[in-house]
Amino acid sequence: MNPESYTTMAQVRAGVDEIDRQLVALLDQRFAHMRAAARIKPERGAVRDEVRKAEVIANARAEAERLGAPGDVIADLWDRLVEASIAYEMSEFDSLKG
């Protein structure tokens, strides 16, 4: 996939669809890590870690900017992703240990 060589919207859409499939597969792996965290953490209060959340978002912003992507947009997406991950991990923690 090389978007710079695309000449049709069909190519753009096929490229976006492929990227979306890859992103979903990566998100599935990320949520598997949340399940592991829920299993490993000794108490529910350890699930939310604001220092770690800020670090993850800052890392994503820095990587986006390094690549030339919009840092603010990526940081906003990562904030939402981390919040969703925390909610998922809380639910997993509760189902395992609640």
N, C-alpha and C. Protein backbone atom coordinates (compact mmCIF):
# COMPACT_ATOMS: atom_id res chain seq x y z
N MET A 1 0.84 -1.18 0.00
CA MET A 1 0.00 0.00 0.00
C MET A 1 0.88 1.24 0.00
N ASN A 2 0.66 2.06 -0.99
CA ASN A 2 1.38 3.32 -1.07
C ASN A 2 0.38 4.40 -1.48
N PRO A 3 -0.18 5.12 -0.52
CA PRO A 3 -1.20 6.13 -0.85
C PRO A 3 -0.73 7.17 -1.86
N GLU A 4 0.55 7.42 -1.89
CA GLU A 4 1.06 8.41 -2.84
C GLU A 4 0.87 7.96 -4.29
N SER A 5 0.74 6.65 -4.50
CA SER A 5 0.58 6.15 -5.87
C SER A 5 -0.88 5.89 -6.24
N TYR A 6 -1.81 6.07 -5.32
CA TYR A 6 -3.22 5.82 -5.61
C TYR A 6 -3.73 6.82 -6.65
N THR A 7 -4.60 6.33 -7.50
CA THR A 7 -5.21 7.19 -8.50
C THR A 7 -6.73 7.13 -8.46
N THR A 8 -7.28 6.25 -7.63
CA THR A 8 -8.74 6.13 -7.54
C THR A 8 -9.18 6.09 -6.08
N MET A 9 -10.43 6.46 -5.87
CA MET A 9 -11.01 6.37 -4.53
C MET A 9 -11.15 4.92 -4.10
N ALA A 10 -11.33 4.01 -5.04
CA ALA A 10 -11.42 2.58 -4.70
C ALA A 10 -10.12 2.13 -4.04
N GLN A 11 -8.99 2.60 -4.54
CA GLN A 11 -7.69 2.27 -3.93
C GLN A 11 -7.59 2.85 -2.52
N VAL A 12 -8.01 4.11 -2.39
CA VAL A 12 -7.98 4.76 -1.07
C VAL A 12 -8.84 3.97 -0.09
N ARG A 13 -10.04 3.62 -0.50
CA ARG A 13 -10.95 2.91 0.39
C ARG A 13 -10.42 1.52 0.75
N ALA A 14 -9.86 0.84 -0.23
CA ALA A 14 -9.28 -0.48 0.05
C ALA A 14 -8.12 -0.35 1.02
N GLY A 15 -7.31 0.68 0.85
CA GLY A 15 -6.20 0.92 1.77
C GLY A 15 -6.68 1.22 3.18
N VAL A 16 -7.69 2.06 3.29
CA VAL A 16 -8.26 2.40 4.60
C VAL A 16 -8.85 1.15 5.24
N ASP A 17 -9.57 0.35 4.47
CA ASP A 17 -10.16 -0.88 5.01
C ASP A 17 -9.08 -1.83 5.53
N GLU A 18 -7.99 -1.95 4.82
CA GLU A 18 -6.89 -2.81 5.26
C GLU A 18 -6.25 -2.28 6.54
N ILE A 19 -6.03 -0.99 6.60
CA ILE A 19 -5.47 -0.39 7.82
C ILE A 19 -6.43 -0.62 8.99
N ASP A 20 -7.73 -0.46 8.76
CA ASP A 20 -8.71 -0.68 9.82
C ASP A 20 -8.65 -2.12 10.33
N ARG A 21 -8.52 -3.10 9.42
CA ARG A 21 -8.40 -4.51 9.84
C ARG A 21 -7.17 -4.69 10.73
N GLN A 22 -6.06 -4.07 10.32
CA GLN A 22 -4.82 -4.18 11.10
C GLN A 22 -4.97 -3.51 12.46
N LEU A 23 -5.61 -2.34 12.49
CA LEU A 23 -5.82 -1.64 13.76
C LEU A 23 -6.68 -2.45 14.72
N VAL A 24 -7.74 -3.06 14.21
CA VAL A 24 -8.60 -3.88 15.07
C VAL A 24 -7.82 -5.06 15.62
N ALA A 25 -6.99 -5.68 14.80
CA ALA A 25 -6.17 -6.81 15.29
C ALA A 25 -5.20 -6.33 16.37
N LEU A 26 -4.61 -5.17 16.19
CA LEU A 26 -3.71 -4.63 17.21
C LEU A 26 -4.47 -4.25 18.48
N LEU A 27 -5.66 -3.69 18.33
CA LEU A 27 -6.46 -3.35 19.50
C LEU A 27 -6.87 -4.61 20.26
N ASP A 28 -7.15 -5.68 19.54
CA ASP A 28 -7.44 -6.95 20.19
C ASP A 28 -6.26 -7.39 21.05
N GLN A 29 -5.05 -7.23 20.54
CA GLN A 29 -3.85 -7.57 21.32
C GLN A 29 -3.71 -6.64 22.53
N ARG A 30 -4.01 -5.37 22.33
CA ARG A 30 -3.91 -4.42 23.44
C ARG A 30 -4.87 -4.80 24.57
N PHE A 31 -6.11 -5.16 24.18
CA PHE A 31 -7.09 -5.54 25.19
C PHE A 31 -6.73 -6.87 25.86
N ALA A 32 -6.02 -7.74 25.16
CA ALA A 32 -5.50 -8.96 25.80
C ALA A 32 -4.52 -8.58 26.91
N HIS A 33 -3.75 -7.53 26.69
CA HIS A 33 -2.84 -7.03 27.73
C HIS A 33 -3.62 -6.47 28.91
N MET A 34 -4.77 -5.85 28.65
CA MET A 34 -5.61 -5.35 29.74
C MET A 34 -6.15 -6.51 30.57
N ARG A 35 -6.50 -7.62 29.89
CA ARG A 35 -6.95 -8.80 30.63
C ARG A 35 -5.83 -9.32 31.52
N ALA A 36 -4.62 -9.35 30.99
CA ALA A 36 -3.47 -9.79 31.80
C ALA A 36 -3.27 -8.87 32.99
N ALA A 37 -3.38 -7.57 32.77
CA ALA A 37 -3.22 -6.62 33.87
C ALA A 37 -4.28 -6.84 34.94
N ALA A 38 -5.52 -7.09 34.52
CA ALA A 38 -6.60 -7.34 35.48
C ALA A 38 -6.31 -8.59 36.30
N ARG A 39 -5.73 -9.57 35.66
CA ARG A 39 -5.40 -10.81 36.36
C ARG A 39 -4.25 -10.62 37.34
N ILE A 40 -3.28 -9.78 36.99
CA ILE A 40 -2.06 -9.63 37.76
C ILE A 40 -2.19 -8.62 38.89
N LYS A 41 -2.91 -7.54 38.67
CA LYS A 41 -3.01 -6.48 39.70
C LYS A 41 -3.71 -7.02 40.95
N PRO A 42 -3.14 -6.69 42.11
CA PRO A 42 -3.67 -7.26 43.35
C PRO A 42 -4.96 -6.61 43.85
N GLU A 43 -5.20 -5.35 43.44
CA GLU A 43 -6.40 -4.67 43.94
C GLU A 43 -6.99 -3.79 42.85
N ARG A 44 -8.29 -3.57 42.95
CA ARG A 44 -9.02 -2.79 41.93
C ARG A 44 -8.48 -1.37 41.81
N GLY A 45 -8.07 -0.78 42.92
CA GLY A 45 -7.55 0.58 42.91
C GLY A 45 -6.31 0.75 42.06
N ALA A 46 -5.62 -0.34 41.79
CA ALA A 46 -4.41 -0.29 40.97
C ALA A 46 -4.71 -0.20 39.47
N VAL A 47 -5.98 -0.41 39.11
CA VAL A 47 -6.33 -0.40 37.68
C VAL A 47 -6.13 1.00 37.10
N ARG A 48 -6.62 2.03 37.78
CA ARG A 48 -6.46 3.41 37.28
C ARG A 48 -5.15 3.97 37.79
N ASP A 49 -4.29 4.34 36.85
CA ASP A 49 -2.97 4.90 37.17
C ASP A 49 -2.79 6.15 36.30
N GLU A 50 -3.10 7.30 36.86
CA GLU A 50 -3.08 8.55 36.09
C GLU A 50 -1.68 8.90 35.59
N VAL A 51 -0.66 8.56 36.34
CA VAL A 51 0.71 8.82 35.89
C VAL A 51 1.01 8.01 34.64
N ARG A 52 0.66 6.72 34.67
CA ARG A 52 0.87 5.86 33.51
C ARG A 52 0.02 6.32 32.33
N LYS A 53 -1.22 6.72 32.59
CA LYS A 53 -2.09 7.21 31.52
C LYS A 53 -1.44 8.40 30.82
N ALA A 54 -0.95 9.36 31.57
CA ALA A 54 -0.30 10.53 30.98
C ALA A 54 0.93 10.13 30.17
N GLU A 55 1.69 9.17 30.69
CA GLU A 55 2.88 8.70 29.98
C GLU A 55 2.51 8.04 28.65
N VAL A 56 1.48 7.20 28.65
CA VAL A 56 1.05 6.53 27.42
C VAL A 56 0.60 7.54 26.38
N ILE A 57 -0.17 8.54 26.80
CA ILE A 57 -0.66 9.56 25.87
C ILE A 57 0.50 10.40 25.34
N ALA A 58 1.42 10.77 26.21
CA ALA A 58 2.59 11.56 25.78
C ALA A 58 3.43 10.76 24.79
N ASN A 59 3.59 9.47 25.05
CA ASN A 59 4.36 8.63 24.12
C ASN A 59 3.70 8.56 22.75
N ALA A 60 2.36 8.42 22.74
CA ALA A 60 1.64 8.35 21.48
C ALA A 60 1.75 9.68 20.73
N ARG A 61 1.61 10.78 21.45
CA ARG A 61 1.75 12.10 20.82
C ARG A 61 3.14 12.28 20.22
N ALA A 62 4.16 11.91 20.97
CA ALA A 62 5.54 12.06 20.49
C ALA A 62 5.78 11.21 19.25
N GLU A 63 5.28 9.98 19.27
CA GLU A 63 5.47 9.11 18.10
C GLU A 63 4.73 9.65 16.89
N ALA A 64 3.51 10.15 17.11
CA ALA A 64 2.75 10.75 16.01
C ALA A 64 3.52 11.91 15.40
N GLU A 65 4.02 12.79 16.26
CA GLU A 65 4.74 13.96 15.76
C GLU A 65 6.03 13.55 15.05
N ARG A 66 6.69 12.51 15.56
CA ARG A 66 7.91 12.02 14.90
C ARG A 66 7.59 11.54 13.49
N LEU A 67 6.42 10.94 13.33
CA LEU A 67 6.01 10.41 12.03
C LEU A 67 5.38 11.47 11.13
N GLY A 68 5.09 12.64 11.67
CA GLY A 68 4.44 13.69 10.89
C GLY A 68 2.93 13.66 10.96
N ALA A 69 2.38 12.87 11.89
CA ALA A 69 0.93 12.81 12.08
C ALA A 69 0.53 13.90 13.08
N PRO A 70 -0.73 14.27 13.10
CA PRO A 70 -1.18 15.35 14.01
C PRO A 70 -1.17 14.89 15.48
N GLY A 71 -0.24 15.42 16.24
CA GLY A 71 -0.07 15.02 17.63
C GLY A 71 -1.31 15.23 18.48
N ASP A 72 -1.99 16.37 18.30
CA ASP A 72 -3.19 16.65 19.10
C ASP A 72 -4.30 15.64 18.83
N VAL A 73 -4.46 15.27 17.58
CA VAL A 73 -5.50 14.30 17.21
C VAL A 73 -5.17 12.93 17.81
N ILE A 74 -3.93 12.52 17.68
CA ILE A 74 -3.51 11.23 18.23
C ILE A 74 -3.64 11.23 19.75
N ALA A 75 -3.24 12.32 20.40
CA ALA A 75 -3.37 12.39 21.86
C ALA A 75 -4.83 12.26 22.29
N ASP A 76 -5.73 12.90 21.55
CA ASP A 76 -7.15 12.80 21.87
C ASP A 76 -7.65 11.36 21.68
N LEU A 77 -7.26 10.72 20.58
CA LEU A 77 -7.64 9.33 20.36
C LEU A 77 -7.10 8.44 21.47
N TRP A 78 -5.85 8.67 21.86
CA TRP A 78 -5.23 7.83 22.89
C TRP A 78 -5.88 8.06 24.25
N ASP A 79 -6.30 9.27 24.53
CA ASP A 79 -7.01 9.51 25.77
C ASP A 79 -8.28 8.66 25.81
N ARG A 80 -9.00 8.64 24.71
CA ARG A 80 -10.22 7.83 24.63
C ARG A 80 -9.89 6.33 24.72
N LEU A 81 -8.83 5.92 24.02
CA LEU A 81 -8.42 4.52 24.05
C LEU A 81 -8.03 4.08 25.46
N VAL A 82 -7.26 4.91 26.14
CA VAL A 82 -6.83 4.56 27.49
C VAL A 82 -8.03 4.50 28.44
N GLU A 83 -8.95 5.45 28.33
CA GLU A 83 -10.15 5.41 29.17
C GLU A 83 -10.97 4.15 28.90
N ALA A 84 -11.12 3.79 27.63
CA ALA A 84 -11.85 2.56 27.29
C ALA A 84 -11.10 1.34 27.82
N SER A 85 -9.79 1.37 27.76
CA SER A 85 -8.98 0.27 28.27
C SER A 85 -9.12 0.13 29.78
N ILE A 86 -9.15 1.26 30.48
CA ILE A 86 -9.33 1.23 31.93
C ILE A 86 -10.70 0.65 32.28
N ALA A 87 -11.73 1.09 31.58
CA ALA A 87 -13.07 0.57 31.84
C ALA A 87 -13.13 -0.94 31.58
N TYR A 88 -12.50 -1.37 30.51
CA TYR A 88 -12.46 -2.79 30.18
C TYR A 88 -11.70 -3.57 31.25
N GLU A 89 -10.56 -3.04 31.66
CA GLU A 89 -9.76 -3.70 32.69
C GLU A 89 -10.52 -3.78 34.02
N MET A 90 -11.24 -2.73 34.38
CA MET A 90 -12.05 -2.74 35.60
C MET A 90 -13.09 -3.86 35.53
N SER A 91 -13.75 -3.96 34.39
CA SER A 91 -14.77 -5.00 34.21
C SER A 91 -14.13 -6.39 34.32
N GLU A 92 -13.00 -6.55 33.68
CA GLU A 92 -12.29 -7.85 33.76
C GLU A 92 -11.86 -8.14 35.20
N PHE A 93 -11.34 -7.12 35.88
CA PHE A 93 -10.91 -7.30 37.28
C PHE A 93 -12.10 -7.76 38.11
N ASP A 94 -13.24 -7.08 37.94
CA ASP A 94 -14.42 -7.42 38.71
C ASP A 94 -14.91 -8.84 38.41
N SER A 95 -14.83 -9.24 37.16
CA SER A 95 -15.31 -10.60 36.81
C SER A 95 -14.35 -11.67 37.33
N LEU A 96 -13.07 -11.34 37.46
CA LEU A 96 -12.09 -12.30 37.97
C LEU A 96 -12.06 -12.36 39.48
N LYS A 97 -12.17 -11.17 40.12
CA LYS A 97 -11.91 -11.10 41.55
C LYS A 97 -13.08 -10.56 42.36
N GLY A 98 -14.13 -10.15 41.66
CA GLY A 98 -15.24 -9.52 42.35
C GLY A 98 -16.13 -10.51 42.97
